[in-house]
Amino acid sequence: VPRCSKRSTKGIPPKRYSWQVKNKHLLCNVTIPPEKFSDIKNLREEEQEKWYGAMQVEMDSLKRLKVFTPAKPPENKKVIGSRWVYRIKKKPNGESLYTRLVA
């Protein structure tokens, strides 16, 4: 014969776990920036457009400041690779997407 519990807290998690339960639901709404360029293709179309727009702003800035100039690589020379770094910065008026092109 199974024994019946007489505890009043049966099935109620202890208070020490209450913060984990509350924060578990908050994690669903967190936007995580892509780690690499190919990850952007897996996002929703509206998020893709935001990231591509942020990358275009960065490229325009590099060209305007004359830091980046597209050119053909010289023969027999190694080309320095580059990659995009993605960040989401929280501002009082909302989130801003930032991208940087790094070598």
Protein backbone atom coordinates (compact mmCIF):
# COMPACT_ATOMS: atom_id res chain seq x y z
CA VAL A 1 0.00 0.00 0.00
CA PRO A 2 1.55 3.38 -1.04
CA ARG A 3 2.07 5.83 1.74
CA CYS A 4 0.27 9.21 1.57
CA SER A 5 2.26 12.35 2.23
CA LYS A 6 0.96 14.52 5.02
CA ARG A 7 3.25 17.48 4.19
CA SER A 8 1.53 20.73 3.23
CA THR A 9 4.36 21.65 0.81
CA LYS A 10 4.00 18.56 -1.38
CA GLY A 11 4.61 19.49 -5.02
CA ILE A 12 5.61 23.10 -4.23
CA PRO A 13 9.25 23.88 -5.08
CA PRO A 14 11.31 25.43 -2.27
CA LYS A 15 11.76 29.21 -2.27
CA ARG A 16 15.47 28.81 -3.03
CA TYR A 17 14.48 27.72 -6.56
CA SER A 18 11.89 30.44 -7.19
CA TRP A 19 14.34 32.82 -8.95
CA GLN A 20 15.27 30.09 -11.43
CA VAL A 21 11.64 29.43 -12.33
CA LYS A 22 10.91 33.14 -12.84
CA ASN A 23 14.02 33.77 -14.94
CA LYS A 24 13.45 30.69 -17.09
CA HIS A 25 10.51 32.46 -18.71
CA LEU A 26 12.48 35.65 -19.23
CA LEU A 27 15.14 33.87 -21.29
CA CYS A 28 12.60 33.17 -24.02
CA ASN A 29 12.52 36.86 -25.01
CA VAL A 30 16.29 37.45 -25.09
CA THR A 31 17.76 38.20 -28.51
CA ILE A 32 21.11 36.51 -29.02
CA PRO A 33 23.44 38.04 -31.63
CA PRO A 34 24.78 35.76 -34.36
CA GLU A 35 28.29 34.43 -33.84
CA LYS A 36 29.25 34.33 -37.51
CA PHE A 37 28.02 35.64 -40.84
CA SER A 38 26.41 32.34 -41.84
CA ASP A 39 24.23 32.37 -38.68
CA ILE A 40 22.28 35.35 -40.03
CA LYS A 41 20.67 33.14 -42.68
CA ASN A 42 18.98 31.13 -39.91
CA LEU A 43 17.21 34.20 -38.47
CA ARG A 44 13.77 35.52 -39.37
CA GLU A 45 13.67 37.78 -42.42
CA GLU A 46 13.05 40.97 -40.42
CA GLU A 47 16.03 40.24 -38.15
CA GLN A 48 18.21 39.46 -41.19
CA GLU A 49 17.38 42.87 -42.66
CA LYS A 50 18.32 44.59 -39.39
CA TRP A 51 21.71 42.85 -39.24
CA TYR A 52 22.43 43.46 -42.94
CA GLY A 53 21.50 47.12 -42.41
CA ALA A 54 23.89 47.35 -39.45
CA MET A 55 26.67 45.82 -41.58
CA GLN A 56 25.96 48.32 -44.37
CA VAL A 57 26.22 51.20 -41.87
CA GLU A 58 29.62 49.88 -40.76
CA MET A 59 30.87 49.50 -44.35
CA ASP A 60 29.69 53.03 -45.22
CA SER A 61 31.50 54.35 -42.15
CA LEU A 62 34.75 52.57 -43.09
CA LYS A 63 34.57 53.94 -46.65
CA ARG A 64 33.67 57.47 -45.49
CA LEU A 65 36.64 57.53 -43.10
CA LYS A 66 38.86 56.10 -45.88
CA VAL A 67 39.85 53.16 -43.71
CA PHE A 68 38.60 50.53 -46.15
CA THR A 69 39.22 50.59 -49.87
CA PRO A 70 38.36 47.57 -52.01
CA ALA A 71 41.35 46.54 -54.15
CA LYS A 72 42.66 43.56 -56.07
CA PRO A 73 45.25 41.56 -54.12
CA PRO A 74 48.81 41.58 -55.50
CA GLU A 75 50.10 38.34 -56.99
CA ASN A 76 51.96 35.93 -54.68
CA LYS A 77 50.91 37.84 -51.56
CA LYS A 78 48.87 36.62 -48.64
CA VAL A 79 45.52 38.31 -48.08
CA ILE A 80 44.53 39.15 -44.51
CA GLY A 81 41.20 37.57 -43.65
CA SER A 82 38.39 39.38 -41.90
CA ARG A 83 35.20 38.55 -40.05
CA TRP A 84 32.16 40.29 -38.63
CA VAL A 85 31.59 40.76 -34.90
CA TYR A 86 27.97 41.27 -33.82
CA ARG A 87 26.69 42.98 -30.66
CA ILE A 88 23.36 44.09 -29.25
CA LYS A 89 23.58 47.17 -27.07
CA LYS A 90 20.74 48.12 -24.76
CA LYS A 91 19.80 51.79 -24.79
CA PRO A 92 17.04 53.60 -22.90
CA ASN A 93 15.05 54.02 -26.13
CA GLY A 94 15.49 50.37 -27.21
CA GLU A 95 18.05 47.94 -28.55
CA SER A 96 20.68 48.82 -31.13
CA LEU A 97 22.51 46.35 -33.32
CA TYR A 98 26.22 46.96 -33.78
CA THR A 99 28.58 45.25 -36.18
CA ARG A 100 32.33 45.55 -36.62
CA LEU A 101 34.54 44.25 -39.40
CA VAL A 102 37.76 42.96 -37.85
CA ALA A 103 40.91 41.47 -39.36
